[in-house]
Amino acid sequence: MTNSTAKKAANKTTTAKTSKRVVQLPVEQAVTPKLTLVQKIIEHATKIEDSTKAQLQNWIDLGNDLIEYRAQYLTTGLGTLKSRATDKNPMGSFLAYWQASDFGYLSTNTVGDAIYIAENSSIVNAETRKDIEGNLTGLSSDNIKKKIKATLDAKDPAKTKAAKDKAAKLKEAKAKTKAAKEADKKDGSIDLSKLMKDPKAFGELIADLVNKNYNDIEKQAFASAMSAKIIIKK
C-alpha cells in the first residue's frame, strides 16, 4: 500500500468515527449547574449580608425558598409545624430539621423574619417598597416588618386611630374603677347606695353585722328600732 493510499484509508476511518453529530452545550450551561434549594437559601442569605441594595427582594426570595423547604419537610412525615423534636425523633420539628442542614448557621430570627416577609410581601405597595429599598435604615428585617405591620394595621378596622382611641378610653375607665375599688378596701368604707340596690343582699349584710357586733340585748334593741321605723304599706 502506497503512502497516498494509506492516508486516504485513514481519512475514511476518521470520517466514519466522527460522522455522528456532536451537540455541545453552551459554555455557561456546562459550567453552571442548577442550584439546589439549600444552595439557593444560602445564596440569598449571603446576599442579604453582603448587599446594600434591593434588600426587600432578597428577604422575599429567601423567605420563599424557606417556605418551599418547609413544605418539603412536611412531606417527610417527620413532624408537623407544631410538633417538637424528641430523643426518639430528633427531626420531629422544622426547627431541628433546618438547623441540621447546611444553612443551619442562620439564626432563628433570620429564618422567621424571612418567612414572615415572604408570606406578607403581596400587601407591600409600590410606594412602601420604594421607601424600604431607598432608605439605608430600611434594609433590616425589623424595618421591613414594621412597614408590613403598618400596612396590615391600616387595613384592620380594629387597629384604626378611632378604634385605638376608644380602646384607650375604655382601658382608662377600667383602671379608674379598679383604683376606686382598691381605695374602698383600704379605708374600709362601704358604698351603701350601691348595696341598697339589692334589698335582700343589703338586709343580709346588716344582719351579719348585727350578729357579729351586738349581744342579745343590743340585737333586741336594734330589731325593735328597725320594726318601728320601717313602714310597709299594705
Protein backbone atom coordinates (compact mmCIF):
# COMPACT_ATOMS: atom_id res chain seq x y z
CA MET A 1 0.00 0.00 0.00
CA THR A 2 1.42 3.36 -1.07
CA ASN A 3 1.60 6.33 1.28
CA SER A 4 -1.20 8.17 -0.55
CA THR A 5 -3.45 5.12 -0.34
CA ALA A 6 -2.76 4.77 3.40
CA LYS A 7 -3.66 8.43 4.02
CA LYS A 8 -6.98 8.02 2.16
CA ALA A 9 -7.80 4.93 4.24
CA ALA A 10 -7.01 6.80 7.45
CA ASN A 11 -9.20 9.70 6.41
CA LYS A 12 -12.07 7.36 5.65
CA THR A 13 -11.72 5.74 9.09
CA THR A 14 -11.69 9.10 10.85
CA THR A 15 -14.74 10.30 8.92
CA ALA A 16 -16.64 7.15 9.81
CA LYS A 17 -15.90 7.53 13.51
CA THR A 18 -16.86 11.18 13.60
CA SER A 19 -19.81 11.04 11.25
CA LYS A 20 -22.29 11.27 14.19
CA ARG A 21 -23.23 14.86 15.07
CA VAL A 22 -21.81 16.06 18.39
CA VAL A 23 -24.04 18.55 20.26
CA GLN A 24 -22.14 20.80 22.62
CA LEU A 25 -23.84 22.72 25.41
CA PRO A 26 -23.27 26.46 25.69
CA VAL A 27 -20.34 27.21 27.98
CA GLU A 28 -22.47 28.81 30.71
CA GLN A 29 -24.76 25.73 30.84
CA ALA A 30 -21.86 23.37 31.08
CA VAL A 31 -20.13 25.13 33.98
CA THR A 32 -23.14 26.39 35.97
CA PRO A 33 -25.22 23.52 37.37
CA LYS A 34 -28.72 24.23 38.69
CA LEU A 35 -28.61 25.27 42.33
CA THR A 36 -30.30 23.04 44.87
CA LEU A 37 -32.89 24.55 47.21
CA VAL A 38 -30.40 24.59 50.09
CA GLN A 39 -27.81 26.32 47.90
CA LYS A 40 -30.38 28.94 46.91
CA ILE A 41 -31.19 29.60 50.56
CA ILE A 42 -27.50 30.08 51.37
CA GLU A 43 -27.08 32.34 48.33
CA HIS A 44 -29.95 34.63 49.27
CA ALA A 45 -28.84 34.77 52.91
CA THR A 46 -25.35 35.77 51.73
CA LYS A 47 -26.80 38.49 49.51
CA ILE A 48 -28.63 39.95 52.49
CA GLU A 49 -25.38 40.12 54.46
CA ASP A 50 -23.25 41.49 51.62
CA SER A 51 -25.62 43.74 49.67
CA THR A 52 -26.98 47.20 50.39
CA LYS A 53 -29.46 47.20 47.51
CA ALA A 54 -32.79 45.53 46.85
CA GLN A 55 -32.85 44.05 50.34
CA LEU A 56 -36.61 43.65 50.32
CA GLN A 57 -36.49 41.33 47.32
CA ASN A 58 -33.61 39.38 48.87
CA TRP A 59 -35.68 38.82 52.01
CA ILE A 60 -38.67 37.77 49.91
CA ASP A 61 -36.55 35.36 47.85
CA LEU A 62 -35.01 33.85 50.98
CA GLY A 63 -38.44 33.52 52.61
CA ASN A 64 -39.99 31.85 49.57
CA ASP A 65 -37.14 29.31 49.45
CA LEU A 66 -37.58 28.61 53.17
CA ILE A 67 -41.33 28.17 52.70
CA GLU A 68 -40.61 25.63 49.96
CA TYR A 69 -38.06 23.90 52.22
CA ARG A 70 -40.66 23.81 55.00
CA ALA A 71 -43.17 22.22 52.61
CA GLN A 72 -40.58 19.56 51.76
CA TYR A 73 -40.12 18.87 55.47
CA LEU A 74 -43.85 18.30 55.90
CA THR A 75 -43.80 15.68 53.13
CA THR A 76 -41.16 13.66 55.01
CA GLY A 77 -43.63 12.68 57.71
CA LEU A 78 -41.06 13.52 60.40
CA GLY A 79 -43.32 16.05 62.07
CA THR A 80 -45.69 18.98 61.76
CA LEU A 81 -45.24 22.70 62.24
CA LYS A 82 -46.41 22.29 65.83
CA SER A 83 -44.53 19.13 66.77
CA ARG A 84 -41.29 19.10 68.73
CA ALA A 85 -38.06 17.20 68.44
CA THR A 86 -37.59 14.31 70.89
CA ASP A 87 -34.86 11.79 71.68
CA LYS A 88 -36.75 9.20 69.64
CA ASN A 89 -37.39 11.64 66.80
CA PRO A 90 -34.64 14.29 66.75
CA MET A 91 -36.04 15.69 63.49
CA GLY A 92 -39.55 15.99 64.90
CA SER A 93 -39.60 19.77 64.48
CA PHE A 94 -38.99 22.01 61.49
CA LEU A 95 -36.51 23.97 63.63
CA ALA A 96 -34.36 20.90 64.26
CA TYR A 97 -34.70 19.87 60.62
CA TRP A 98 -33.36 23.08 59.08
CA GLN A 99 -30.75 23.57 61.80
CA ALA A 100 -29.28 20.21 60.76
CA SER A 101 -28.94 21.42 57.16
CA ASP A 102 -26.08 23.30 55.51
CA PHE A 103 -27.77 26.61 56.30
CA GLY A 104 -28.17 25.70 59.96
CA TYR A 105 -25.84 28.58 60.85
CA LEU A 106 -28.68 31.05 60.20
CA SER A 107 -30.37 32.46 63.29
CA THR A 108 -33.96 31.59 64.13
CA ASN A 109 -34.77 35.31 63.80
CA THR A 110 -33.42 35.40 60.24
CA VAL A 111 -35.46 32.35 59.21
CA GLY A 112 -38.62 33.55 60.96
CA ASP A 113 -38.32 37.10 59.60
CA ALA A 114 -37.72 35.90 56.04
CA ILE A 115 -40.78 33.64 56.11
CA TYR A 116 -42.95 36.43 57.60
CA ILE A 117 -41.80 38.95 54.98
CA ALA A 118 -42.35 36.50 52.11
CA GLU A 119 -45.81 35.48 53.35
CA ASN A 120 -46.88 39.14 53.57
CA SER A 121 -44.99 40.58 50.61
CA SER A 122 -48.12 40.91 48.50
CA ILE A 123 -49.52 43.68 50.70
CA VAL A 124 -46.45 45.89 50.31
CA ASN A 125 -47.43 48.51 47.73
CA ALA A 126 -45.04 50.18 45.29
CA GLU A 127 -44.62 53.28 47.45
CA THR A 128 -43.73 51.28 50.54
CA ARG A 129 -41.38 49.10 48.51
CA LYS A 130 -39.57 52.19 47.19
CA ASP A 131 -39.30 53.60 50.70
CA ILE A 132 -37.83 50.37 52.06
CA GLU A 133 -35.29 49.96 49.28
CA GLY A 134 -34.35 53.64 49.13
CA ASN A 135 -33.69 54.06 52.83
CA LEU A 136 -30.46 52.75 54.29
CA THR A 137 -32.15 52.27 57.67
CA GLY A 138 -34.82 50.26 55.91
CA LEU A 139 -32.57 47.39 54.96
CA SER A 140 -33.05 45.46 58.19
CA SER A 141 -35.75 42.84 58.56
CA ASP A 142 -37.14 44.72 61.57
CA ASN A 143 -37.77 47.83 59.49
CA ILE A 144 -39.36 45.82 56.70
CA LYS A 145 -41.62 44.01 59.19
CA LYS A 146 -42.69 47.36 60.69
CA LYS A 147 -43.69 48.58 57.23
CA ILE A 148 -45.66 45.40 56.60
CA LYS A 149 -47.33 45.58 60.02
CA ALA A 150 -48.26 49.24 59.44
CA THR A 151 -49.88 48.29 56.13
CA LEU A 152 -51.78 45.40 57.75
CA ASP A 153 -52.92 47.62 60.62
CA ALA A 154 -54.20 50.24 58.17
CA LYS A 155 -56.45 47.56 56.66
CA ASP A 156 -57.70 46.33 60.03
CA PRO A 157 -60.69 48.35 61.36
CA ALA A 158 -59.83 47.26 64.89
CA LYS A 159 -56.46 48.99 64.61
CA THR A 160 -57.50 52.34 63.15
CA LYS A 161 -56.89 55.54 65.15
CA ALA A 162 -60.54 55.81 66.20
CA ALA A 163 -60.57 52.22 67.42
CA LYS A 164 -57.31 52.72 69.28
CA ASP A 165 -58.63 55.90 70.95
CA LYS A 166 -61.81 54.10 72.02
CA ALA A 167 -59.79 51.20 73.41
CA ALA A 168 -57.53 53.62 75.29
CA LYS A 169 -60.52 55.38 76.90
CA LEU A 170 -62.05 52.04 77.90
CA LYS A 171 -58.76 50.96 79.41
CA GLU A 172 -58.53 54.24 81.34
CA ALA A 173 -62.08 53.84 82.67
CA LYS A 174 -61.35 50.31 83.84
CA ALA A 175 -58.20 51.49 85.57
CA LYS A 176 -60.14 54.22 87.44
CA THR A 177 -62.81 51.73 88.54
CA LYS A 178 -60.16 49.33 89.78
CA ALA A 179 -58.37 52.10 91.66
CA ALA A 180 -61.63 53.20 93.31
CA LYS A 181 -62.39 49.65 94.46
CA GLU A 182 -58.92 49.27 95.92
CA ALA A 183 -59.31 52.60 97.73
CA ASP A 184 -62.59 51.42 99.27
CA LYS A 185 -60.89 48.27 100.51
CA LYS A 186 -58.06 50.24 102.11
CA ASP A 187 -60.20 52.74 104.08
CA GLY A 188 -62.83 50.15 104.96
CA SER A 189 -65.69 52.32 103.70
CA ILE A 190 -68.76 50.79 102.12
CA ASP A 191 -70.88 52.41 99.44
CA LEU A 192 -74.38 51.84 100.90
CA SER A 193 -76.11 53.36 97.87
CA LYS A 194 -74.80 50.51 95.74
CA LEU A 195 -75.66 47.85 98.32
CA MET A 196 -79.22 49.11 98.72
CA LYS A 197 -79.97 48.39 95.06
CA ASP A 198 -80.36 44.76 96.17
CA PRO A 199 -82.65 44.77 99.26
CA LYS A 200 -82.05 41.12 100.09
CA ALA A 201 -78.27 41.42 99.90
CA PHE A 202 -78.41 44.65 101.90
CA GLY A 203 -80.58 43.07 104.63
CA GLU A 204 -78.27 40.04 104.86
CA LEU A 205 -75.25 42.32 105.19
CA ILE A 206 -76.85 44.34 108.03
CA ALA A 207 -77.96 41.14 109.78
CA ASP A 208 -74.43 39.73 109.60
CA LEU A 209 -73.02 42.95 111.09
CA VAL A 210 -75.62 42.96 113.89
CA ASN A 211 -74.99 39.31 114.77
CA LYS A 212 -71.25 39.84 114.70
CA ASN A 213 -71.06 43.03 116.76
CA TYR A 214 -74.11 43.07 119.13
CA ASN A 215 -75.04 40.95 122.11
CA ASP A 216 -78.56 39.61 122.52
CA ILE A 217 -79.87 42.73 124.35
CA GLU A 218 -78.39 45.02 121.67
CA LYS A 219 -79.81 42.81 118.95
CA GLN A 220 -83.27 43.14 120.51
CA ALA A 221 -82.94 46.92 120.67
CA PHE A 222 -81.85 47.06 117.04
CA ALA A 223 -84.70 44.83 115.92
CA SER A 224 -87.25 46.95 117.82
CA ALA A 225 -85.91 50.15 116.28
CA MET A 226 -85.97 48.67 112.81
CA SER A 227 -89.53 47.37 113.12
CA ALA A 228 -90.68 50.76 114.46
CA LYS A 229 -89.05 52.75 111.70
CA ILE A 230 -89.68 50.54 108.68
CA ILE A 231 -93.13 51.17 107.23
CA ILE A 232 -94.71 48.62 104.93
CA LYS A 233 -97.85 49.79 103.18
CA LYS A 234 -100.40 47.07 102.73
